[in-house]
Amino acid sequence: MTSSGHGFSTFLIFHFLRCTLTTGSVCSGEGEPLKCCVNHYEVDEKCLECPNGWFGHNCSVLCSEGFYGRFCSNACNCSSEHE
């Protein structure tokens, strides 16, 4: 991969992670029906952050084995018998 291609790939990865982890909770525009951003879900017409152990659109994805916490961003550091 060329250095410019590598830089662009790095930019895309950074942009995806930034948007995934730091966007606001509401992704719909003024006057549009409420649409919660990724890693948020709707409760009483408000968008709330996913509870620990869940992530994705409408918080529909459970952490994969070996991960936990906010948006499943923490890796477990224990043997399988202690999980």
Protein backbone atom coordinates (compact mmCIF):
# COMPACT_ATOMS: atom_id res chain seq x y z
CA MET A 1 0.00 0.00 0.00
CA THR A 2 1.31 3.46 -0.80
CA SER A 3 1.95 5.92 1.98
CA SER A 4 -1.02 8.03 0.87
CA GLY A 5 -3.24 4.92 0.86
CA HIS A 6 -2.02 4.02 4.33
CA GLY A 7 -2.77 7.53 5.57
CA PHE A 8 -6.27 7.41 4.11
CA SER A 9 -6.94 4.02 5.72
CA THR A 10 -5.75 5.36 9.06
CA PHE A 11 -8.04 8.37 8.63
CA LEU A 12 -11.04 6.13 7.90
CA ILE A 13 -10.38 3.94 10.93
CA PHE A 14 -9.92 6.98 13.18
CA HIS A 15 -13.06 8.63 11.80
CA PHE A 16 -15.13 5.44 12.32
CA LEU A 17 -13.94 5.04 15.91
CA ARG A 18 -14.45 8.72 16.69
CA CYS A 19 -17.99 8.63 15.33
CA THR A 20 -18.77 5.34 17.02
CA LEU A 21 -17.47 6.33 20.44
CA THR A 22 -18.14 10.05 20.66
CA THR A 23 -21.18 11.08 18.63
CA GLY A 24 -24.09 12.63 20.42
CA SER A 25 -27.03 10.50 21.36
CA VAL A 26 -29.50 11.85 18.76
CA CYS A 27 -28.80 11.37 15.06
CA SER A 28 -32.02 12.75 13.58
CA GLY A 29 -32.40 16.31 12.43
CA GLU A 30 -34.69 19.01 13.73
CA GLY A 31 -38.32 18.15 12.91
CA GLU A 32 -37.52 14.52 12.01
CA PRO A 33 -38.67 11.47 13.98
CA LEU A 34 -36.30 10.60 16.82
CA LYS A 35 -33.42 8.39 15.70
CA CYS A 36 -30.79 7.42 18.23
CA CYS A 37 -27.15 7.20 17.19
CA VAL A 38 -25.16 3.99 17.31
CA ASN A 39 -24.44 2.85 20.89
CA HIS A 40 -27.68 4.47 22.10
CA TYR A 41 -31.30 3.35 22.47
CA GLU A 42 -34.62 5.13 22.91
CA VAL A 43 -36.46 5.32 26.24
CA ASP A 44 -39.36 7.73 26.80
CA GLU A 45 -38.49 9.74 23.68
CA LYS A 46 -34.87 10.18 24.81
CA CYS A 47 -31.70 8.51 23.56
CA LEU A 48 -29.66 6.84 26.29
CA GLU A 49 -26.20 5.29 26.07
CA CYS A 50 -26.06 1.50 25.91
CA PRO A 51 -25.69 -0.22 29.27
CA ASN A 52 -22.32 -1.82 29.93
CA GLY A 53 -21.96 -5.08 28.05
CA TRP A 54 -23.95 -3.94 25.00
CA PHE A 55 -23.23 -1.86 21.89
CA GLY A 56 -24.35 -1.17 18.33
CA HIS A 57 -27.55 0.17 16.81
CA ASN A 58 -30.26 0.15 19.47
CA CYS A 59 -27.78 -1.60 21.81
CA SER A 60 -28.63 -4.89 20.16
CA VAL A 61 -25.18 -6.53 20.29
CA LEU A 62 -23.91 -8.29 23.41
CA CYS A 63 -20.17 -8.17 24.09
CA SER A 64 -18.17 -10.94 22.49
CA GLU A 65 -16.55 -13.44 24.81
CA GLY A 66 -13.45 -11.88 26.32
CA PHE A 67 -14.74 -8.29 26.29
CA TYR A 68 -16.82 -6.25 28.74
CA GLY A 69 -17.79 -2.74 29.83
CA ARG A 70 -18.76 0.42 27.98
CA PHE A 71 -19.25 -0.48 24.32
CA CYS A 72 -17.38 -3.75 25.06
CA SER A 73 -14.13 -1.84 24.82
CA ASN A 74 -12.35 -3.59 27.71
CA ALA A 75 -10.61 -6.92 27.27
CA CYS A 76 -10.86 -9.52 30.01
CA ASN A 77 -7.56 -10.52 31.54
CA CYS A 78 -8.46 -13.81 33.14
CA SER A 79 -8.57 -17.50 32.33
CA SER A 80 -11.83 -18.96 31.03
CA GLU A 81 -12.47 -20.72 34.36
CA HIS A 82 -12.65 -17.29 36.11
CA GLU A 83 -14.89 -15.44 33.63
